[in-house]
């Protein structure tokens, strides 16, 4: 029998099929040689990267480099700021929040900032008919209380100033809204016969409360906008 190319190819084909039949199945291979999830994730990531176009891969690489550059720039800038003594001394953390039961303004400053003298603020504008009734300032505890009353005793305005710490005001059930004072975020609230305004200038917390149905939100904001540091007499 002559060995032709066709017979040789057929024999090789039969040998290959026989060898393949003797190989273990996919289930047997998985059981005998388990592949870690980490390897699976790596393979999937490589496949996805290869499926991206060259432009997409280049864009991703450039984005990663840009992110690292800006992160390094941010760290450098922060280090430079913290290296300045004045910046370290006046580092201030401010929190303003409205909760179901109260409204809160908290200021946390460094020891050097807390050692600064307390400067009391006074209003340059008051609604018509109001006169100053009392003014108490305590530099040790960094607070002041200023009371104005109507001449006919039909209304009262209290202005309180605090030099840091945590200021909590009972505003449960009050109608509240965010307004602007000195270009900063302030909170106005109405509760029963009370009108309240809270804000901070990063150094002090201010709290105005009025008991006067004739006063409006604009009146309290105008008082706040015209608060000025008390001039000390020589």
C-alpha atoms as a PDB file:
ATOM      1  CA  UNK A   1       0.000   0.000   0.000  1.00  0.00           C
ATOM      2  CA  UNK A   2       1.481   3.271  -1.116  1.00  0.00           C
ATOM      3  CA  UNK A   3       1.669   5.988   1.582  1.00  0.00           C
ATOM      4  CA  UNK A   4       0.155   9.031   0.016  1.00  0.00           C
ATOM      5  CA  UNK A   5      -0.132  12.577   1.373  1.00  0.00           C
ATOM      6  CA  UNK A   6      -3.860  12.079   1.885  1.00  0.00           C
ATOM      7  CA  UNK A   7      -3.310   8.980   4.052  1.00  0.00           C
ATOM      8  CA  UNK A   8      -0.617  10.788   6.049  1.00  0.00           C
ATOM      9  CA  UNK A   9      -2.887  13.791   6.743  1.00  0.00           C
ATOM     10  CA  UNK A  10      -5.722  11.481   7.769  1.00  0.00           C
ATOM     11  CA  UNK A  11      -3.461   9.584  10.154  1.00  0.00           C
ATOM     12  CA  UNK A  12      -2.167  12.787  11.737  1.00  0.00           C
ATOM     13  CA  UNK A  13      -5.734  14.013  12.135  1.00  0.00           C
ATOM     14  CA  UNK A  14      -6.718  10.819  13.941  1.00  0.00           C
ATOM     15  CA  UNK A  15      -3.699  11.124  16.253  1.00  0.00           C
ATOM     16  CA  UNK A  16      -4.567  14.744  17.104  1.00  0.00           C
ATOM     17  CA  UNK A  17      -8.180  13.823  17.888  1.00  0.00           C
ATOM     18  CA  UNK A  18      -7.001  10.978  20.090  1.00  0.00           C
ATOM     19  CA  UNK A  19      -4.608  13.285  21.971  1.00  0.00           C
ATOM     20  CA  UNK A  20      -7.315  15.913  22.432  1.00  0.00           C
ATOM     21  CA  UNK A  21      -9.727  13.329  23.815  1.00  0.00           C
ATOM     22  CA  UNK A  22      -7.174  12.372  26.444  1.00  0.00           C
ATOM     23  CA  UNK A  23      -6.779  15.971  27.630  1.00  0.00           C
ATOM     24  CA  UNK A  24      -8.675  16.899  30.819  1.00  0.00           C
ATOM     25  CA  UNK A  25     -11.867  18.939  30.490  1.00  0.00           C
ATOM     26  CA  UNK A  26     -12.210  22.635  31.392  1.00  0.00           C
ATOM     27  CA  UNK A  27     -13.905  21.681  34.661  1.00  0.00           C
ATOM     28  CA  UNK A  28     -11.102  19.262  35.564  1.00  0.00           C
ATOM     29  CA  UNK A  29      -8.420  21.844  34.723  1.00  0.00           C
ATOM     30  CA  UNK A  30     -10.175  24.509  36.812  1.00  0.00           C
ATOM     31  CA  UNK A  31     -10.406  22.116  39.741  1.00  0.00           C
ATOM     32  CA  UNK A  32      -6.822  20.883  39.416  1.00  0.00           C
ATOM     33  CA  UNK A  33      -5.193  24.264  38.612  1.00  0.00           C
ATOM     34  CA  UNK A  34      -7.375  27.049  40.058  1.00  0.00           C
ATOM     35  CA  UNK A  35      -6.712  30.599  38.822  1.00  0.00           C
ATOM     36  CA  UNK A  36      -6.717  33.430  41.387  1.00  0.00           C
ATOM     37  CA  UNK A  37      -9.223  36.275  41.151  1.00  0.00           C
ATOM     38  CA  UNK A  38      -6.324  38.699  41.034  1.00  0.00           C
ATOM     39  CA  UNK A  39      -5.053  37.006  37.851  1.00  0.00           C
ATOM     40  CA  UNK A  40      -8.565  37.091  36.347  1.00  0.00           C
ATOM     41  CA  UNK A  41      -8.888  40.832  37.061  1.00  0.00           C
ATOM     42  CA  UNK A  42      -5.470  41.452  35.540  1.00  0.00           C
ATOM     43  CA  UNK A  43      -6.369  39.539  32.354  1.00  0.00           C
ATOM     44  CA  UNK A  44      -9.703  41.397  32.053  1.00  0.00           C
ATOM     45  CA  UNK A  45      -7.919  44.717  32.504  1.00  0.00           C
ATOM     46  CA  UNK A  46      -5.381  43.846  29.810  1.00  0.00           C
ATOM     47  CA  UNK A  47      -8.143  42.802  27.406  1.00  0.00           C
ATOM     48  CA  UNK A  48     -10.042  46.058  28.005  1.00  0.00           C
ATOM     49  CA  UNK A  49      -6.896  48.115  27.501  1.00  0.00           C
ATOM     50  CA  UNK A  50      -6.188  46.333  24.221  1.00  0.00           C
ATOM     51  CA  UNK A  51      -9.771  46.940  23.060  1.00  0.00           C
ATOM     52  CA  UNK A  52      -9.310  50.711  23.494  1.00  0.00           C
ATOM     53  CA  UNK A  53      -8.164  52.737  20.552  1.00  0.00           C
ATOM     54  CA  UNK A  54      -4.590  54.126  20.540  1.00  0.00           C
ATOM     55  CA  UNK A  55      -6.031  57.633  21.029  1.00  0.00           C
ATOM     56  CA  UNK A  56      -8.017  56.538  24.109  1.00  0.00           C
ATOM     57  CA  UNK A  57      -4.985  54.834  25.657  1.00  0.00           C
ATOM     58  CA  UNK A  58      -2.882  57.943  25.072  1.00  0.00           C
ATOM     59  CA  UNK A  59      -5.598  60.163  26.543  1.00  0.00           C
ATOM     60  CA  UNK A  60      -5.798  58.017  29.699  1.00  0.00           C
ATOM     61  CA  UNK A  61      -2.024  58.105  30.138  1.00  0.00           C
ATOM     62  CA  UNK A  62      -1.994  61.909  29.761  1.00  0.00           C
ATOM     63  CA  UNK A  63      -4.889  62.267  32.234  1.00  0.00           C
ATOM     64  CA  UNK A  64      -3.026  60.216  34.841  1.00  0.00           C
ATOM     65  CA  UNK A  65       0.081  62.347  34.389  1.00  0.00           C
ATOM     66  CA  UNK A  66      -1.954  65.564  34.699  1.00  0.00           C
ATOM     67  CA  UNK A  67      -3.646  64.299  37.884  1.00  0.00           C
ATOM     68  CA  UNK A  68      -0.267  63.477  39.432  1.00  0.00           C
ATOM     69  CA  UNK A  69       1.059  66.899  38.435  1.00  0.00           C
ATOM     70  CA  UNK A  70      -1.831  68.778  40.054  1.00  0.00           C
ATOM     71  CA  UNK A  71      -1.613  66.604  43.174  1.00  0.00           C
ATOM     72  CA  UNK A  72       2.083  67.420  43.500  1.00  0.00           C
ATOM     73  CA  UNK A  73       1.309  71.109  42.910  1.00  0.00           C
ATOM     74  CA  UNK A  74      -1.381  71.063  45.617  1.00  0.00           C
ATOM     75  CA  UNK A  75       0.947  69.423  48.135  1.00  0.00           C
ATOM     76  CA  UNK A  76       3.680  71.932  47.326  1.00  0.00           C
ATOM     77  CA  UNK A  77       1.318  74.890  47.695  1.00  0.00           C
ATOM     78  CA  UNK A  78      -0.046  73.618  51.011  1.00  0.00           C
ATOM     79  CA  UNK A  79       3.494  73.086  52.317  1.00  0.00           C
ATOM     80  CA  UNK A  80       4.466  76.607  51.270  1.00  0.00           C
ATOM     81  CA  UNK A  81       1.444  78.127  53.029  1.00  0.00           C
ATOM     82  CA  UNK A  82       2.044  76.157  56.215  1.00  0.00           C
ATOM     83  CA  UNK A  83       5.675  77.246  56.201  1.00  0.00           C
ATOM     84  CA  UNK A  84       4.600  80.865  56.695  1.00  0.00           C
ATOM     85  CA  UNK A  85       4.347  81.645  60.412  1.00  0.00           C
ATOM     86  CA  UNK A  86       1.416  84.035  60.028  1.00  0.00           C
ATOM     87  CA  UNK A  87      -0.588  81.441  58.103  1.00  0.00           C
ATOM     88  CA  UNK A  88      -0.002  78.834  60.820  1.00  0.00           C
ATOM     89  CA  UNK A  89      -1.026  81.281  63.526  1.00  0.00           C
ATOM     90  CA  UNK A  90      -4.309  82.265  61.859  1.00  0.00           C
ATOM     91  CA  UNK A  91      -5.421  78.835  60.676  1.00  0.00           C
ATOM     92  CA  UNK A  92      -9.207  78.779  61.188  1.00  0.00           C
ATOM     93  CA  UNK A  93     -11.781  76.018  60.770  1.00  0.00           C
ATOM     94  CA  UNK A  94     -15.416  77.115  60.306  1.00  0.00           C
ATOM     95  CA  UNK A  95     -18.609  75.049  60.316  1.00  0.00           C
ATOM     96  CA  UNK A  96     -22.117  76.309  59.677  1.00  0.00           C
ATOM     97  CA  UNK A  97     -25.039  73.927  59.753  1.00  0.00           C
ATOM     98  CA  UNK A  98     -28.818  73.765  60.069  1.00  0.00           C
ATOM     99  CA  UNK A  99     -30.256  70.808  61.968  1.00  0.00           C
ATOM    100  CA  UNK A 100     -33.783  69.774  62.929  1.00  0.00           C
ATOM    101  CA  UNK A 101     -33.477  71.133  66.461  1.00  0.00           C
ATOM    102  CA  UNK A 102     -30.920  73.917  66.164  1.00  0.00           C
ATOM    103  CA  UNK A 103     -28.646  76.023  64.007  1.00  0.00           C
ATOM    104  CA  UNK A 104     -24.930  75.927  64.691  1.00  0.00           C
ATOM    105  CA  UNK A 105     -21.855  77.983  63.849  1.00  0.00           C
ATOM    106  CA  UNK A 106     -18.518  76.686  65.110  1.00  0.00           C
ATOM    107  CA  UNK A 107     -15.083  78.291  64.792  1.00  0.00           C
ATOM    108  CA  UNK A 108     -11.913  76.483  65.779  1.00  0.00           C
ATOM    109  CA  UNK A 109      -8.700  78.509  65.698  1.00  0.00           C
ATOM    110  CA  UNK A 110      -5.095  77.935  66.637  1.00  0.00           C
ATOM    111  CA  UNK A 111      -3.811  78.979  70.049  1.00  0.00           C
ATOM    112  CA  UNK A 112      -2.125  82.054  68.560  1.00  0.00           C
ATOM    113  CA  UNK A 113      -5.389  83.197  66.973  1.00  0.00           C
ATOM    114  CA  UNK A 114      -7.285  82.700  70.242  1.00  0.00           C
ATOM    115  CA  UNK A 115      -4.762  84.885  72.050  1.00  0.00           C
ATOM    116  CA  UNK A 116      -5.646  87.902  69.905  1.00  0.00           C
ATOM    117  CA  UNK A 117      -7.562  90.722  71.689  1.00  0.00           C
ATOM    118  CA  UNK A 118     -11.341  90.704  71.472  1.00  0.00           C
ATOM    119  CA  UNK A 119     -12.631  93.611  69.345  1.00  0.00           C
ATOM    120  CA  UNK A 120     -16.259  94.486  69.979  1.00  0.00           C
ATOM    121  CA  UNK A 121     -18.529  95.487  67.085  1.00  0.00           C
ATOM    122  CA  UNK A 122     -21.293  98.089  67.303  1.00  0.00           C
ATOM    123  CA  UNK A 123     -24.072  98.845  64.792  1.00  0.00           C
ATOM    124  CA  UNK A 124     -24.018 102.181  62.987  1.00  0.00           C
ATOM    125  CA  UNK A 125     -27.653 101.806  61.914  1.00  0.00           C
ATOM    126  CA  UNK A 126     -30.715 100.931  64.015  1.00  0.00           C
ATOM    127  CA  UNK A 127     -34.438 100.962  63.211  1.00  0.00           C
ATOM    128  CA  UNK A 128     -36.261 104.166  64.109  1.00  0.00           C
ATOM    129  CA  UNK A 129     -37.351 104.412  67.751  1.00  0.00           C
ATOM    130  CA  UNK A 130     -34.656 102.123  69.172  1.00  0.00           C
ATOM    131  CA  UNK A 131     -32.143 103.314  71.770  1.00  0.00           C
ATOM    132  CA  UNK A 132     -29.278 101.501  73.481  1.00  0.00           C
ATOM    133  CA  UNK A 133     -30.284  99.985  76.792  1.00  0.00           C
ATOM    134  CA  UNK A 134     -27.109  98.142  77.859  1.00  0.00           C
ATOM    135  CA  UNK A 135     -23.760  96.967  76.564  1.00  0.00           C
ATOM    136  CA  UNK A 136     -21.678  94.240  78.198  1.00  0.00           C
ATOM    137  CA  UNK A 137     -18.288  93.165  76.922  1.00  0.00           C
ATOM    138  CA  UNK A 138     -16.076  90.488  78.441  1.00  0.00           C
ATOM    139  CA  UNK A 139     -12.649  90.314  76.847  1.00  0.00           C
ATOM    140  CA  UNK A 140     -11.603  87.335  78.990  1.00  0.00           C
ATOM    141  CA  UNK A 141     -14.434  85.123  77.722  1.00  0.00           C
ATOM    142  CA  UNK A 142     -14.470  86.890  74.329  1.00  0.00           C
ATOM    143  CA  UNK A 143     -18.114  87.843  74.187  1.00  0.00           C
ATOM    144  CA  UNK A 144     -20.317  90.912  74.138  1.00  0.00           C
ATOM    145  CA  UNK A 145     -24.052  91.509  74.529  1.00  0.00           C
ATOM    146  CA  UNK A 146     -25.673  94.656  73.207  1.00  0.00           C
ATOM    147  CA  UNK A 147     -29.355  95.377  73.903  1.00  0.00           C
ATOM    148  CA  UNK A 148     -31.531  97.985  72.178  1.00  0.00           C
ATOM    149  CA  UNK A 149     -35.122  98.719  73.139  1.00  0.00           C
ATOM    150  CA  UNK A 150     -37.919 100.772  71.675  1.00  0.00           C
ATOM    151  CA  UNK A 151     -38.679 103.913  73.581  1.00  0.00           C
ATOM    152  CA  UNK A 152     -42.233 102.667  74.140  1.00  0.00           C
ATOM    153  CA  UNK A 153     -40.903  99.211  75.229  1.00  0.00           C
ATOM    154  CA  UNK A 154     -42.790  97.493  72.395  1.00  0.00           C
ATOM    155  CA  UNK A 155     -39.719  95.838  70.930  1.00  0.00           C
ATOM    156  CA  UNK A 156     -36.207  94.663  71.713  1.00  0.00           C
ATOM    157  CA  UNK A 157     -33.087  93.790  69.720  1.00  0.00           C
ATOM    158  CA  UNK A 158     -30.157  91.825  71.147  1.00  0.00           C
ATOM    159  CA  UNK A 159     -26.814  91.635  69.379  1.00  0.00           C
ATOM    160  CA  UNK A 160     -24.393  88.999  70.647  1.00  0.00           C
ATOM    161  CA  UNK A 161     -20.800  88.540  69.543  1.00  0.00           C
ATOM    162  CA  UNK A 162     -18.636  85.517  70.315  1.00  0.00           C
ATOM    163  CA  UNK A 163     -14.912  85.016  69.795  1.00  0.00           C
ATOM    164  CA  UNK A 164     -14.880  81.451  68.536  1.00  0.00           C
ATOM    165  CA  UNK A 165     -16.068  78.143  69.930  1.00  0.00           C
ATOM    166  CA  UNK A 166     -19.458  76.620  69.202  1.00  0.00           C
ATOM    167  CA  UNK A 167     -22.612  78.730  68.940  1.00  0.00           C
ATOM    168  CA  UNK A 168     -25.910  76.800  69.031  1.00  0.00           C
ATOM    169  CA  UNK A 169     -29.268  78.501  68.630  1.00  0.00           C
ATOM    170  CA  UNK A 170     -32.629  76.794  69.169  1.00  0.00           C
ATOM    171  CA  UNK A 171     -34.383  76.939  65.802  1.00  0.00           C
ATOM    172  CA  UNK A 172     -36.582  73.852  66.106  1.00  0.00           C
ATOM    173  CA  UNK A 173     -39.761  74.472  64.139  1.00  0.00           C
ATOM    174  CA  UNK A 174     -38.432  77.763  62.782  1.00  0.00           C
ATOM    175  CA  UNK A 175     -38.580  78.894  59.173  1.00  0.00           C
ATOM    176  CA  UNK A 176     -34.994  79.250  58.003  1.00  0.00           C
ATOM    177  CA  UNK A 177     -33.230  80.478  54.914  1.00  0.00           C
ATOM    178  CA  UNK A 178     -29.727  81.301  53.761  1.00  0.00           C
ATOM    179  CA  UNK A 179     -28.950  84.985  53.168  1.00  0.00           C
ATOM    180  CA  UNK A 180     -25.826  87.096  52.630  1.00  0.00           C
ATOM    181  CA  UNK A 181     -24.062  89.284  55.222  1.00  0.00           C
ATOM    182  CA  UNK A 182     -20.699  90.883  54.460  1.00  0.00           C
ATOM    183  CA  UNK A 183     -20.623  88.774  51.327  1.00  0.00           C
ATOM    184  CA  UNK A 184     -20.673  85.574  53.398  1.00  0.00           C
ATOM    185  CA  UNK A 185     -23.264  82.878  54.067  1.00  0.00           C
ATOM    186  CA  UNK A 186     -25.654  83.799  56.901  1.00  0.00           C
ATOM    187  CA  UNK A 187     -28.756  82.109  58.321  1.00  0.00           C
ATOM    188  CA  UNK A 188     -32.020  83.929  58.954  1.00  0.00           C
ATOM    189  CA  UNK A 189     -34.764  82.275  61.015  1.00  0.00           C
ATOM    190  CA  UNK A 190     -38.263  83.129  62.245  1.00  0.00           C
ATOM    191  CA  UNK A 191     -39.812  81.350  65.222  1.00  0.00           C
ATOM    192  CA  UNK A 192     -42.983  82.539  66.914  1.00  0.00           C
ATOM    193  CA  UNK A 193     -42.352  86.227  67.699  1.00  0.00           C
ATOM    194  CA  UNK A 194     -38.579  85.921  67.282  1.00  0.00           C
ATOM    195  CA  UNK A 195     -36.449  86.856  64.306  1.00  0.00           C
ATOM    196  CA  UNK A 196     -32.850  85.638  64.273  1.00  0.00           C
ATOM    197  CA  UNK A 197     -29.781  86.222  62.149  1.00  0.00           C
ATOM    198  CA  UNK A 198     -26.503  84.308  62.516  1.00  0.00           C
ATOM    199  CA  UNK A 199     -23.255  84.789  60.633  1.00  0.00           C
ATOM    200  CA  UNK A 200     -19.475  84.814  61.023  1.00  0.00           C
ATOM    201  CA  UNK A 201     -16.566  86.813  59.643  1.00  0.00           C
ATOM    202  CA  UNK A 202     -14.095  83.960  60.302  1.00  0.00           C
ATOM    203  CA  UNK A 203     -12.959  85.568  63.574  1.00  0.00           C
ATOM    204  CA  UNK A 204     -16.246  86.152  65.390  1.00  0.00           C
ATOM    205  CA  UNK A 205     -19.741  84.726  65.460  1.00  0.00           C
ATOM    206  CA  UNK A 206     -22.646  87.164  65.491  1.00  0.00           C
ATOM    207  CA  UNK A 207     -26.191  86.523  66.607  1.00  0.00           C
ATOM    208  CA  UNK A 208     -28.995  89.074  66.316  1.00  0.00           C
ATOM    209  CA  UNK A 209     -32.386  88.285  67.846  1.00  0.00           C
ATOM    210  CA  UNK A 210     -35.318  90.666  67.592  1.00  0.00           C
ATOM    211  CA  UNK A 211     -38.713  90.665  69.305  1.00  0.00           C
ATOM    212  CA  UNK A 212     -40.727  93.084  67.203  1.00  0.00           C
ATOM    213  CA  UNK A 213     -43.471  92.183  64.721  1.00  0.00           C
ATOM    214  CA  UNK A 214     -42.849  95.396  62.816  1.00  0.00           C
ATOM    215  CA  UNK A 215     -39.263  94.470  61.963  1.00  0.00           C
ATOM    216  CA  UNK A 216     -38.455  92.546  58.799  1.00  0.00           C
ATOM    217  CA  UNK A 217     -35.657  90.339  57.557  1.00  0.00           C
ATOM    218  CA  UNK A 218     -34.247  93.319  55.672  1.00  0.00           C
ATOM    219  CA  UNK A 219     -34.050  95.310  58.926  1.00  0.00           C
ATOM    220  CA  UNK A 220     -31.893  92.665  60.598  1.00  0.00           C
ATOM    221  CA  UNK A 221     -29.650  92.332  57.551  1.00  0.00           C
ATOM    222  CA  UNK A 222     -29.212  96.109  57.431  1.00  0.00           C
ATOM    223  CA  UNK A 223     -28.167  96.137  61.092  1.00  0.00           C
ATOM    224  CA  UNK A 224     -25.674  93.372  60.427  1.00  0.00           C
ATOM    225  CA  UNK A 225     -24.242  95.035  57.323  1.00  0.00           C
ATOM    226  CA  UNK A 226     -23.509  98.188  59.333  1.00  0.00           C
ATOM    227  CA  UNK A 227     -21.698  96.517  62.228  1.00  0.00           C
ATOM    228  CA  UNK A 228     -18.301  98.147  62.787  1.00  0.00           C
ATOM    229  CA  UNK A 229     -15.425  97.617  65.227  1.00  0.00           C
ATOM    230  CA  UNK A 230     -15.790  99.722  68.340  1.00  0.00           C
ATOM    231  CA  UNK A 231     -13.231 102.531  68.309  1.00  0.00           C
ATOM    232  CA  UNK A 232     -11.213 102.634  71.494  1.00  0.00           C
ATOM    233  CA  UNK A 233     -10.732 106.065  73.022  1.00  0.00           C
ATOM    234  CA  UNK A 234      -7.150 107.017  73.874  1.00  0.00           C
END
